[in-house]
Amino acid sequence: MLAPGARGDDEIELLAELLSLPNSATDLNLSPQRKRELLFEALLHQLEALARSRRVLMAFEDAHWIDPTTRELLFLTLDRVARLPVLLVITFRPEFQHAWSGQPHVTSLALNRLGGHDGAALVERLAANAGFARETIDEIVERADGVPLFVEELTKAVLERADQDNRVAAVLAASRLPNLAIPATLHASLIARLDRLGPVPKEVGQIGAVIGREFGYELIEHVAQQPTAELRAGLDRLGEAGLLFCRGMAPQSSYLFKHALVQDAAYSTLLRARRQELHGRVATALNQNFADLVERQPELLAYHLTAAGDTERAVDQWLKAGRHAAERSAHVEAIGHFEHGLAALSELPAQAVRDGREIELQLARGLSLFTTQGFSAAGAIEIYARARELAEQRGDPRQQFMAVYGLWQSTNGAGAMEDAQRLSGRLLELTASRADEGLRLQAHHSAWTTYLFAGEPVAAREHCETGRRLYDPERHRHHRQLYGGHDPGVCARYMGAQAYWLLGYPEKGFSIGSDSLAMAQQIGHPFSLATAHWS
């Protein structure tokens, strides 16, 4: 299905990886950012191929809840459809901030509240043959205040409230409808409708609301722990009431709450203890029966562990979710996951284990912050200072080094050279007597950068030469993601080339610079290749 729209086997490999199918995407040797860019292109090529064979309708619902990565893809799609036979429809609330207004191929349409005439027409259509009295219709329209969902829910509430055999008589009563008890709010209306469905459908709806806006039958079956017939009857009743949409046939079916407010209403009727119990059941089911889903979306398990009050496991899972997102260059999402982990961590008592978790969260958060905002990112110094404070207390050498390294990157990026030299010196001290060549390499990495930027090319050259001796392309390949986003071996050469040039050895500088470029081309790391061209 995907092959006609793919431009080469590489795109097929990237799409297969996205879909968790067998693939050899790692053989492409791409940086996370480059892989992300190529994956976006592969998805857009699929849209283009489809549009060449037929006209396409594409919809993004509720864009105000969009995640940063999907938002980026949406903007790319919006630009691409200007040249394609594609109708792209995006719905969002007025507060959603976007940058596409004013473009010639974009039309904005404000969906205002329904007027009295349109609201009454909607009530009459939904009521069908019930024969609502005019005063009933008018009260529903007045209460709903032009909100279509509220109009629909109030109308259905009245229909369900009225006695099935005497509905017409009830709604035509001369009184001011005290017996119909039209709910005052949409939330109250939704809760009332859930109550009238009966205890089994209501409980099934509550369990589904705990799982999420959308859920599969297999997952709710594990969580509900109810007889199959009872569970399916409850799901069917919710579907018949229009509160759930069903796709497929059980047990391969999936369910979607009609609106987020329906999910919220069902969730709100749960007591705190019951809510925690159900979240705990979801977490257990995910762990035991849906390992592939947890691997793809570790934040789901983290969310349910947090809501279940299983704080220690939740913190570890938020850290895992953040790292998973960062590996895919979804750094904005990663920062959010790390911050969720830190928020959960605040509920744990102060102890060495807790501090160790906080250090890892802070270090990972700082790295993603650098990636999204640069080394002068606001807040980075506070993040790494906190990590350093805790690491010094615990005495963990690796954590100490990583915290100080983050501080050095912040100060160096801000041009505070005195502070950068002091921190670089501290990194050299931390690694002077240790056998970890990777950390020693990065200590010298900080030194050659700092000294060159400070106008001391002799010292910079010496640290570059040491770095070239310590560097191993295989053992240190992961450094490209951990330290500054580029390869230290390439950096040692191109910075060394600049030092030799400044010291009056242009031929030597040209030779080392050529080595730097050749190495960058060999390892195929885009940002390292870009920096090698500087020399």
Protein backbone atom coordinates (compact mmCIF):
# COMPACT_ATOMS: atom_id res chain seq x y z
CA MET A 1 0.00 0.00 0.00
CA LEU A 2 2.81 2.42 0.88
CA ALA A 3 5.21 1.52 -1.92
CA PRO A 4 3.56 3.62 -4.70
CA GLY A 5 3.92 6.80 -2.65
CA ALA A 6 7.45 6.18 -1.40
CA ARG A 7 10.48 7.68 -3.10
CA GLY A 8 12.91 4.86 -2.52
CA ASP A 9 13.42 2.03 -0.07
CA ASP A 10 14.68 4.37 2.66
CA GLU A 11 11.23 5.91 3.03
CA ILE A 12 9.66 2.47 3.33
CA GLU A 13 12.10 1.64 6.14
CA LEU A 14 11.24 4.85 8.01
CA LEU A 15 7.50 4.27 7.66
CA ALA A 16 7.91 0.66 8.77
CA GLU A 17 9.77 1.85 11.87
CA LEU A 18 7.00 4.37 12.61
CA LEU A 19 4.44 1.54 12.41
CA SER A 20 6.59 -0.77 14.58
CA LEU A 21 7.01 -3.23 11.70
CA PRO A 22 10.24 -5.14 10.99
CA ASN A 23 12.69 -2.69 9.46
CA SER A 24 16.35 -1.79 9.01
CA ALA A 25 16.02 1.96 9.62
CA THR A 26 19.02 1.92 11.96
CA ASP A 27 21.22 0.98 8.99
CA LEU A 28 20.47 4.39 7.49
CA ASN A 29 22.78 5.92 10.14
CA LEU A 30 20.68 9.06 10.52
CA SER A 31 20.69 11.53 13.37
CA PRO A 32 17.33 11.76 15.18
CA GLN A 33 16.65 15.19 13.69
CA ARG A 34 17.47 14.09 10.15
CA LYS A 35 15.36 10.95 10.59
CA ARG A 36 12.47 13.14 11.75
CA GLU A 37 12.79 15.39 8.69
CA LEU A 38 12.90 12.44 6.29
CA LEU A 39 9.95 10.78 8.01
CA PHE A 40 7.87 13.94 7.58
CA GLU A 41 8.82 14.00 3.90
CA ALA A 42 7.86 10.34 3.55
CA LEU A 43 4.43 11.04 5.04
CA LEU A 44 3.91 14.03 2.75
CA HIS A 45 4.95 11.95 -0.26
CA GLN A 46 2.22 9.47 0.67
CA LEU A 47 -0.33 12.30 0.60
CA GLU A 48 0.98 13.53 -2.75
CA ALA A 49 0.75 10.06 -4.26
CA LEU A 50 -2.83 9.66 -3.06
CA ALA A 51 -3.77 13.09 -4.42
CA ARG A 52 -2.39 12.16 -7.85
CA SER A 53 -4.88 9.30 -8.13
CA ARG A 54 -7.95 10.95 -6.59
CA ARG A 55 -9.17 14.04 -4.78
CA VAL A 56 -8.48 13.90 -1.04
CA LEU A 57 -10.39 15.11 2.00
CA MET A 58 -8.14 15.36 5.06
CA ALA A 59 -9.39 16.41 8.52
CA PHE A 60 -7.69 17.45 11.75
CA GLU A 61 -10.25 17.60 14.57
CA ASP A 62 -9.73 19.64 17.76
CA ALA A 63 -6.37 21.10 16.77
CA HIS A 64 -6.28 23.02 20.07
CA TRP A 65 -5.22 19.72 21.71
CA ILE A 66 -2.51 18.97 19.18
CA ASP A 67 0.92 17.78 20.29
CA PRO A 68 4.02 19.68 19.07
CA THR A 69 5.20 17.02 16.60
CA THR A 70 1.80 16.63 14.95
CA ARG A 71 1.52 20.42 14.86
CA GLU A 72 4.78 20.59 12.92
CA LEU A 73 3.53 17.96 10.48
CA LEU A 74 0.25 19.85 10.11
CA PHE A 75 2.05 23.06 9.16
CA LEU A 76 4.13 21.20 6.57
CA THR A 77 0.96 19.59 5.22
CA LEU A 78 -0.80 22.95 5.02
CA ASP A 79 2.02 24.31 2.88
CA ARG A 80 2.10 21.23 0.63
CA VAL A 81 -1.66 21.07 -0.10
CA ALA A 82 -1.52 24.48 -1.77
CA ARG A 83 -0.29 22.60 -4.86
CA LEU A 84 -2.51 19.52 -4.54
CA PRO A 85 -6.20 18.61 -5.09
CA VAL A 86 -6.68 18.27 -1.33
CA LEU A 87 -9.33 19.79 0.92
CA LEU A 88 -7.76 20.08 4.37
CA VAL A 89 -10.27 20.83 7.13
CA ILE A 90 -9.01 21.87 10.58
CA THR A 91 -11.34 22.47 13.52
CA PHE A 92 -10.14 24.32 16.61
CA ARG A 93 -11.22 26.60 19.40
CA PRO A 94 -10.72 30.37 19.02
CA GLU A 95 -7.81 30.47 21.49
CA PHE A 96 -5.69 28.16 19.31
CA GLN A 97 -2.66 30.07 18.00
CA HIS A 98 -1.67 29.44 14.39
CA ALA A 99 0.32 31.11 11.64
CA TRP A 100 -1.65 30.29 8.51
CA SER A 101 -4.21 33.09 8.42
CA GLY A 102 -3.83 35.37 5.44
CA GLN A 103 -2.41 32.72 3.11
CA PRO A 104 -4.19 32.76 -0.26
CA HIS A 105 -5.15 29.07 -0.19
CA VAL A 106 -6.58 29.24 3.35
CA THR A 107 -10.17 30.17 4.18
CA SER A 108 -11.28 30.70 7.78
CA LEU A 109 -14.86 30.07 8.80
CA ALA A 110 -16.05 31.02 12.28
CA LEU A 111 -18.69 28.61 13.62
CA ASN A 112 -20.78 30.84 15.84
CA ARG A 113 -23.39 29.76 18.36
CA LEU A 114 -26.73 28.69 16.94
CA GLY A 115 -29.41 31.35 16.74
CA GLY A 116 -32.86 30.72 18.20
CA HIS A 117 -34.36 29.55 14.90
CA ASP A 118 -31.52 27.12 14.15
CA GLY A 119 -31.49 25.83 17.74
CA ALA A 120 -35.23 25.12 17.59
CA ALA A 121 -34.81 23.37 14.23
CA LEU A 122 -32.15 21.11 15.73
CA VAL A 123 -34.39 20.25 18.71
CA GLU A 124 -37.29 19.44 16.42
CA ARG A 125 -35.15 17.23 14.21
CA LEU A 126 -33.75 15.32 17.18
CA ALA A 127 -37.16 14.99 18.83
CA ALA A 128 -38.63 13.58 15.61
CA ASN A 129 -42.12 12.29 16.39
CA ALA A 130 -42.08 13.07 20.09
CA GLY A 131 -44.13 16.19 19.46
CA PHE A 132 -42.40 18.59 21.84
CA ALA A 133 -44.49 21.53 22.95
CA ARG A 134 -43.22 24.97 21.92
CA GLU A 135 -42.45 25.87 25.55
CA THR A 136 -40.29 22.73 25.85
CA ILE A 137 -38.37 23.64 22.71
CA ASP A 138 -37.95 27.26 23.82
CA GLU A 139 -36.62 26.24 27.24
CA ILE A 140 -34.11 23.84 25.73
CA VAL A 141 -32.92 26.52 23.30
CA GLU A 142 -32.64 29.09 26.10
CA ARG A 143 -30.75 26.74 28.42
CA ALA A 144 -28.36 25.57 25.68
CA ASP A 145 -27.35 29.15 24.81
CA GLY A 146 -26.57 28.26 21.20
CA VAL A 147 -24.10 25.45 21.93
CA PRO A 148 -24.98 22.60 19.50
CA LEU A 149 -23.71 19.80 21.75
CA PHE A 150 -25.74 21.20 24.67
CA VAL A 151 -28.85 21.44 22.46
CA GLU A 152 -28.44 17.80 21.48
CA GLU A 153 -27.76 16.56 25.00
CA LEU A 154 -30.64 18.48 26.59
CA THR A 155 -33.03 17.21 23.95
CA LYS A 156 -31.96 13.62 24.53
CA ALA A 157 -32.18 14.13 28.29
CA VAL A 158 -35.80 15.24 27.95
CA LEU A 159 -36.59 12.34 25.65
CA GLU A 160 -35.08 9.81 28.04
CA ARG A 161 -36.67 11.43 31.10
CA ALA A 162 -40.20 11.40 29.73
CA ASP A 163 -42.12 8.22 30.33
CA GLN A 164 -41.73 5.94 27.29
CA ASP A 165 -45.45 5.18 26.96
CA ASN A 166 -46.74 8.67 27.76
CA ARG A 167 -43.99 10.82 26.26
CA VAL A 168 -46.30 13.07 24.24
CA ALA A 169 -48.59 13.69 27.19
CA ALA A 170 -45.62 14.48 29.42
CA VAL A 171 -44.07 17.02 27.10
CA LEU A 172 -47.42 18.65 26.35
CA ALA A 173 -48.23 19.19 30.03
CA ALA A 174 -49.55 22.67 30.75
CA SER A 175 -47.21 23.20 33.69
CA ARG A 176 -43.77 24.83 33.42
CA LEU A 177 -42.17 21.41 32.96
CA PRO A 178 -41.16 20.73 36.57
CA ASN A 179 -41.38 16.98 36.04
CA LEU A 180 -39.03 17.02 33.06
CA ALA A 181 -36.29 18.66 35.14
CA ILE A 182 -34.21 20.00 32.27
CA PRO A 183 -30.59 20.02 33.54
CA ALA A 184 -29.10 23.46 34.16
CA THR A 185 -25.68 22.64 32.67
CA LEU A 186 -24.23 20.41 29.99
CA HIS A 187 -22.23 18.54 32.61
CA ALA A 188 -25.34 17.83 34.65
CA SER A 189 -27.15 16.69 31.51
CA LEU A 190 -24.44 14.22 30.60
CA ILE A 191 -24.30 12.79 34.12
CA ALA A 192 -28.09 12.46 34.18
CA ARG A 193 -28.03 10.55 30.89
CA LEU A 194 -25.37 8.19 32.21
CA ASP A 195 -27.44 7.56 35.35
CA ARG A 196 -30.55 6.73 33.32
CA LEU A 197 -28.70 4.14 31.25
CA GLY A 198 -28.46 1.89 34.29
CA PRO A 199 -25.64 0.72 36.56
CA VAL A 200 -23.86 -1.58 34.09
CA PRO A 201 -23.55 0.88 31.15
CA LYS A 202 -22.62 3.65 33.58
CA GLU A 203 -19.84 1.57 35.13
CA VAL A 204 -18.55 0.56 31.70
CA GLY A 205 -18.56 4.22 30.69
CA GLN A 206 -16.62 5.14 33.83
CA ILE A 207 -14.00 2.47 33.15
CA GLY A 208 -13.68 3.63 29.55
CA ALA A 209 -13.28 7.23 30.74
CA VAL A 210 -10.38 6.16 32.96
CA ILE A 211 -8.64 4.49 30.01
CA GLY A 212 -8.99 7.55 27.76
CA ARG A 213 -11.00 9.30 25.08
CA GLU A 214 -10.45 6.29 22.82
CA PHE A 215 -9.88 2.68 23.86
CA GLY A 216 -9.90 -0.84 22.46
CA TYR A 217 -12.12 -3.72 23.52
CA GLU A 218 -9.23 -5.93 24.54
CA LEU A 219 -7.91 -3.34 26.99
CA ILE A 220 -11.25 -2.54 28.63
CA GLU A 221 -11.94 -6.27 28.89
CA HIS A 222 -8.79 -6.71 31.01
CA VAL A 223 -9.59 -3.66 33.14
CA ALA A 224 -13.33 -4.18 33.65
CA GLN A 225 -13.04 -7.77 34.87
CA GLN A 226 -16.73 -8.31 34.05
CA PRO A 227 -18.56 -11.17 32.31
CA THR A 228 -18.21 -10.83 28.55
CA ALA A 229 -21.95 -10.58 27.91
CA GLU A 230 -22.35 -7.86 30.53
CA LEU A 231 -19.42 -5.81 29.22
CA ARG A 232 -20.59 -6.00 25.61
CA ALA A 233 -24.14 -5.12 26.59
CA GLY A 234 -22.88 -2.05 28.44
CA LEU A 235 -20.79 -0.92 25.48
CA ASP A 236 -23.71 -1.48 23.12
CA ARG A 237 -26.03 0.54 25.34
CA LEU A 238 -23.58 3.46 25.43
CA GLY A 239 -23.34 3.28 21.65
CA GLU A 240 -27.12 3.23 21.22
CA ALA A 241 -27.35 6.31 23.46
CA GLY A 242 -24.89 8.12 21.20
CA LEU A 243 -22.28 8.56 23.93
CA LEU A 244 -19.76 6.18 22.35
CA PHE A 245 -18.84 5.59 18.72
CA CYS A 246 -17.83 2.02 17.89
CA ARG A 247 -15.55 0.87 15.08
CA GLY A 248 -15.28 -2.82 14.21
CA MET A 249 -16.67 -5.90 15.91
CA ALA A 250 -15.64 -7.14 19.36
CA PRO A 251 -13.08 -8.30 20.31
CA GLN A 252 -11.34 -6.31 17.54
CA SER A 253 -13.48 -3.21 18.14
CA SER A 254 -12.41 0.21 19.35
CA TYR A 255 -14.49 2.92 21.01
CA LEU A 256 -14.43 6.71 21.01
CA PHE A 257 -16.34 8.99 23.34
CA LYS A 258 -18.57 11.28 21.33
CA HIS A 259 -16.95 14.32 22.91
CA ALA A 260 -14.25 14.98 25.49
CA LEU A 261 -16.96 16.41 27.75
CA VAL A 262 -18.73 13.04 27.75
CA GLN A 263 -15.53 11.37 28.93
CA ASP A 264 -15.06 14.10 31.57
CA ALA A 265 -18.60 13.64 32.86
CA ALA A 266 -18.20 9.88 33.25
CA TYR A 267 -14.81 10.30 34.90
CA SER A 268 -16.08 12.91 37.35
CA THR A 269 -18.65 10.52 38.83
CA LEU A 270 -15.93 8.24 40.20
CA LEU A 271 -14.82 8.49 43.81
CA ARG A 272 -11.08 9.08 44.29
CA ALA A 273 -10.34 5.61 45.63
CA ARG A 274 -12.23 3.89 42.81
CA ARG A 275 -10.53 6.13 40.26
CA GLN A 276 -7.08 5.20 41.58
CA GLU A 277 -8.01 1.52 41.61
CA LEU A 278 -9.06 1.62 37.95
CA HIS A 279 -5.94 3.51 36.88
CA GLY A 280 -3.92 0.85 38.67
CA ARG A 281 -5.78 -1.86 36.76
CA VAL A 282 -5.07 -0.09 33.47
CA ALA A 283 -1.37 0.13 34.34
CA THR A 284 -1.27 -3.58 35.20
CA ALA A 285 -3.08 -4.53 32.00
CA LEU A 286 -0.72 -2.41 29.90
CA ASN A 287 2.33 -3.95 31.57
CA GLN A 288 1.16 -7.53 31.31
CA ASN A 289 -0.73 -7.65 28.02
CA PHE A 290 0.22 -4.67 25.86
CA ALA A 291 4.01 -4.51 25.94
CA ASP A 292 4.18 -3.35 22.32
CA LEU A 293 1.86 -0.40 23.07
CA VAL A 294 3.89 0.56 26.15
CA GLU A 295 7.08 0.39 24.10
CA ARG A 296 5.64 2.75 21.48
CA GLN A 297 3.88 5.08 23.94
CA PRO A 298 5.55 4.78 27.36
CA GLU A 299 3.82 7.98 28.48
CA LEU A 300 0.49 6.09 28.61
CA LEU A 301 1.78 3.82 31.35
CA ALA A 302 3.38 6.79 33.11
CA TYR A 303 0.06 8.66 33.14
CA HIS A 304 -1.89 5.74 34.61
CA LEU A 305 0.77 4.99 37.22
CA THR A 306 0.66 8.65 38.30
CA ALA A 307 -3.13 8.67 38.53
CA ALA A 308 -3.02 5.37 40.44
CA GLY A 309 -0.74 6.91 43.07
CA ASP A 310 2.12 4.52 42.22
CA THR A 311 4.55 7.41 42.35
CA GLU A 312 7.94 5.67 42.34
CA ARG A 313 7.15 3.61 39.27
CA ALA A 314 5.48 6.63 37.64
CA VAL A 315 8.63 8.75 38.01
CA ASP A 316 10.78 6.06 36.39
CA GLN A 317 8.26 5.68 33.58
CA TRP A 318 8.10 9.45 32.91
CA LEU A 319 11.89 9.41 32.62
CA LYS A 320 11.66 6.52 30.17
CA ALA A 321 8.91 8.28 28.20
CA GLY A 322 10.95 11.48 27.98
CA ARG A 323 14.02 9.65 26.75
CA HIS A 324 11.91 7.76 24.22
CA ALA A 325 10.56 11.05 22.85
CA ALA A 326 14.02 12.66 22.82
CA GLU A 327 15.44 9.73 20.83
CA ARG A 328 12.91 10.59 18.15
CA SER A 329 13.72 14.31 18.29
CA ALA A 330 10.33 15.08 19.85
CA HIS A 331 12.07 17.26 22.42
CA VAL A 332 9.13 19.51 23.29
CA GLU A 333 7.13 16.43 24.26
CA ALA A 334 10.19 15.06 26.06
CA ILE A 335 10.47 18.18 28.22
CA GLY A 336 6.80 17.79 29.15
CA HIS A 337 7.37 14.17 30.20
CA PHE A 338 10.40 15.09 32.31
CA GLU A 339 8.43 17.86 34.01
CA HIS A 340 5.60 15.42 34.78
CA GLY A 341 8.20 13.17 36.37
CA LEU A 342 9.56 16.01 38.48
CA ALA A 343 6.05 16.96 39.59
CA ALA A 344 5.36 13.38 40.67
CA LEU A 345 8.75 13.19 42.35
CA SER A 346 7.81 16.04 44.70
CA GLU A 347 5.38 13.66 46.43
CA LEU A 348 8.17 11.29 47.49
CA PRO A 349 10.09 11.77 50.76
CA ALA A 350 13.61 13.17 50.53
CA GLN A 351 16.17 10.38 50.31
CA ALA A 352 19.17 9.34 48.26
CA VAL A 353 17.12 7.30 45.77
CA ARG A 354 14.76 10.21 45.22
CA ASP A 355 17.67 12.59 44.63
CA GLY A 356 19.18 10.20 42.12
CA ARG A 357 15.94 10.15 40.15
CA GLU A 358 15.69 13.93 40.22
CA ILE A 359 19.24 14.29 38.90
CA GLU A 360 18.50 12.03 35.92
CA LEU A 361 15.27 13.92 35.16
CA GLN A 362 16.97 17.31 35.41
CA LEU A 363 19.91 16.25 33.23
CA ALA A 364 17.62 14.81 30.55
CA ARG A 365 15.35 17.87 30.71
CA GLY A 366 18.31 20.21 30.29
CA LEU A 367 19.59 18.32 27.25
CA SER A 368 16.21 18.56 25.50
CA LEU A 369 16.00 22.23 26.44
CA PHE A 370 19.39 22.83 24.78
CA THR A 371 18.19 21.02 21.68
CA THR A 372 15.03 23.09 21.32
CA GLN A 373 16.28 26.51 22.48
CA GLY A 374 20.07 26.46 22.15
CA PHE A 375 22.81 26.58 24.76
CA SER A 376 21.71 29.97 26.03
CA ALA A 377 18.21 28.65 26.83
CA ALA A 378 16.50 30.42 29.69
CA GLY A 379 16.24 28.17 32.71
CA ALA A 380 19.07 25.82 31.70
CA ILE A 381 21.48 27.19 34.30
CA GLU A 382 18.93 26.64 37.08
CA ILE A 383 18.27 23.08 35.88
CA TYR A 384 21.93 22.11 35.80
CA ALA A 385 22.73 23.97 39.02
CA ARG A 386 20.07 21.95 40.81
CA ALA A 387 21.41 18.73 39.29
CA ARG A 388 24.94 19.66 40.36
CA GLU A 389 23.86 20.46 43.91
CA LEU A 390 22.24 17.05 44.30
CA ALA A 391 25.08 15.22 42.51
CA GLU A 392 27.68 16.79 44.80
CA GLN A 393 25.68 15.58 47.81
CA ARG A 394 25.40 12.04 46.45
CA GLY A 395 28.98 11.88 45.21
CA ASP A 396 28.11 10.12 41.95
CA PRO A 397 31.03 10.95 39.56
CA ARG A 398 29.07 10.53 36.33
CA GLN A 399 26.15 12.65 37.51
CA GLN A 400 28.55 15.29 38.82
CA PHE A 401 30.29 15.42 35.47
CA MET A 402 27.05 15.65 33.46
CA ALA A 403 25.68 18.43 35.67
CA VAL A 404 28.87 20.50 35.46
CA TYR A 405 29.05 19.86 31.72
CA GLY A 406 25.52 21.23 31.30
CA LEU A 407 26.48 24.34 33.28
CA TRP A 408 29.57 24.74 31.11
CA GLN A 409 27.46 24.54 27.94
CA SER A 410 25.10 27.22 29.30
CA THR A 411 27.83 29.66 30.29
CA ASN A 412 29.86 29.04 27.15
CA GLY A 413 26.76 29.57 25.00
CA ALA A 414 26.05 32.81 26.83
CA GLY A 415 29.60 34.04 26.24
CA ALA A 416 30.53 34.13 29.95
CA MET A 417 34.09 33.00 29.30
CA GLU A 418 35.46 33.34 32.84
CA ASP A 419 32.71 31.10 34.20
CA ALA A 420 33.15 28.73 31.25
CA GLN A 421 36.90 28.40 31.93
CA ARG A 422 36.27 27.73 35.61
CA LEU A 423 33.70 25.03 34.83
CA SER A 424 35.91 23.48 32.15
CA GLY A 425 38.70 23.28 34.70
CA ARG A 426 36.33 21.50 37.08
CA LEU A 427 35.53 18.95 34.35
CA LEU A 428 39.24 18.28 33.86
CA GLU A 429 39.61 17.80 37.63
CA LEU A 430 36.72 15.33 37.77
CA THR A 431 38.26 13.16 35.04
CA ALA A 432 41.97 13.51 35.84
CA SER A 433 42.24 10.29 37.83
CA ARG A 434 39.45 8.27 36.25
CA ALA A 435 39.64 5.59 33.57
CA ASP A 436 36.46 6.64 31.72
CA GLU A 437 37.94 7.88 28.44
CA GLY A 438 34.56 9.11 27.25
CA LEU A 439 34.27 11.62 30.09
CA ARG A 440 37.93 12.60 29.73
CA LEU A 441 37.33 13.21 26.03
CA GLN A 442 34.42 15.53 26.81
CA ALA A 443 36.39 17.37 29.50
CA HIS A 444 39.03 18.19 26.88
CA HIS A 445 36.20 18.98 24.44
CA SER A 446 35.03 21.71 26.82
CA ALA A 447 38.60 22.95 27.21
CA TRP A 448 39.50 23.27 23.52
CA THR A 449 36.24 25.09 22.83
CA THR A 450 36.60 27.45 25.79
CA TYR A 451 40.23 28.32 25.12
CA LEU A 452 39.68 28.96 21.41
CA PHE A 453 36.68 31.20 22.12
CA ALA A 454 38.71 32.99 24.81
CA GLY A 455 41.48 33.79 22.33
CA GLU A 456 44.05 31.28 23.60
CA PRO A 457 44.81 29.10 20.53
CA VAL A 458 47.94 27.44 22.02
CA ALA A 459 45.97 25.89 24.89
CA ALA A 460 43.10 25.08 22.54
CA ARG A 461 45.48 23.24 20.18
CA GLU A 462 46.89 21.13 23.03
CA HIS A 463 43.43 20.00 24.16
CA CYS A 464 42.44 19.29 20.54
CA GLU A 465 45.45 17.02 20.13
CA THR A 466 44.58 15.18 23.35
CA GLY A 467 40.99 14.81 22.17
CA ARG A 468 42.11 13.38 18.83
CA ARG A 469 44.13 10.70 20.66
CA LEU A 470 41.28 9.78 23.01
CA TYR A 471 38.56 9.65 20.36
CA ASP A 472 37.27 6.34 18.97
CA PRO A 473 34.54 6.57 16.28
CA GLU A 474 32.70 3.47 17.48
CA ARG A 475 32.99 3.77 21.25
CA HIS A 476 32.10 7.45 21.21
CA ARG A 477 29.42 7.56 18.52
CA HIS A 478 26.65 8.12 21.11
CA HIS A 479 28.40 11.36 22.16
CA ARG A 480 26.83 13.03 19.10
CA GLN A 481 23.48 13.00 20.91
CA LEU A 482 24.68 13.58 24.48
CA TYR A 483 27.19 16.41 24.14
CA GLY A 484 26.33 19.38 22.01
CA GLY A 485 24.70 17.51 19.16
CA HIS A 486 27.90 16.94 17.18
CA ASP A 487 30.75 14.44 16.97
CA PRO A 488 33.72 15.19 19.28
CA GLY A 489 36.24 13.65 16.87
CA VAL A 490 35.12 15.95 14.07
CA CYS A 491 35.08 18.89 16.48
CA ALA A 492 38.62 18.21 17.74
CA ARG A 493 39.84 18.37 14.16
CA TYR A 494 37.99 21.41 12.87
CA MET A 495 38.68 23.41 16.04
CA GLY A 496 42.30 22.26 15.90
CA ALA A 497 42.44 23.44 12.29
CA GLN A 498 41.31 26.90 13.36
CA ALA A 499 43.89 26.98 16.17
CA TYR A 500 46.71 26.08 13.77
CA TRP A 501 45.51 28.75 11.32
CA LEU A 502 45.50 31.42 14.04
CA LEU A 503 48.99 30.38 15.13
CA GLY A 504 50.35 30.88 11.60
CA TYR A 505 50.32 27.30 10.26
CA PRO A 506 47.76 27.48 7.42
CA GLU A 507 48.96 24.30 5.65
CA LYS A 508 48.68 22.25 8.85
CA GLY A 509 45.30 23.80 9.53
CA PHE A 510 44.11 22.97 6.01
CA SER A 511 45.28 19.36 6.39
CA ILE A 512 43.50 18.83 9.72
CA GLY A 513 40.41 20.62 8.44
CA SER A 514 40.31 18.25 5.46
CA ASP A 515 40.54 15.30 7.86
CA SER A 516 37.63 16.75 9.81
CA LEU A 517 35.49 17.01 6.68
CA ALA A 518 36.39 13.47 5.56
CA MET A 519 35.51 12.05 8.99
CA ALA A 520 32.18 13.89 9.06
CA GLN A 521 31.30 12.53 5.62
CA GLN A 522 32.26 9.03 6.72
CA ILE A 523 30.11 8.97 9.87
CA GLY A 524 27.20 10.61 8.04
CA HIS A 525 26.10 12.85 10.91
CA PRO A 526 24.45 15.97 9.38
CA PHE A 527 25.23 18.56 12.06
CA SER A 528 28.82 17.33 12.42
CA LEU A 529 29.17 17.62 8.65
CA ALA A 530 27.85 21.18 8.76
CA THR A 531 30.31 22.17 11.49
CA ALA A 532 33.20 20.54 9.60
CA HIS A 533 32.56 22.90 6.70
CA TRP A 534 33.34 25.83 9.01
CA SER A 535 37.01 24.90 8.95
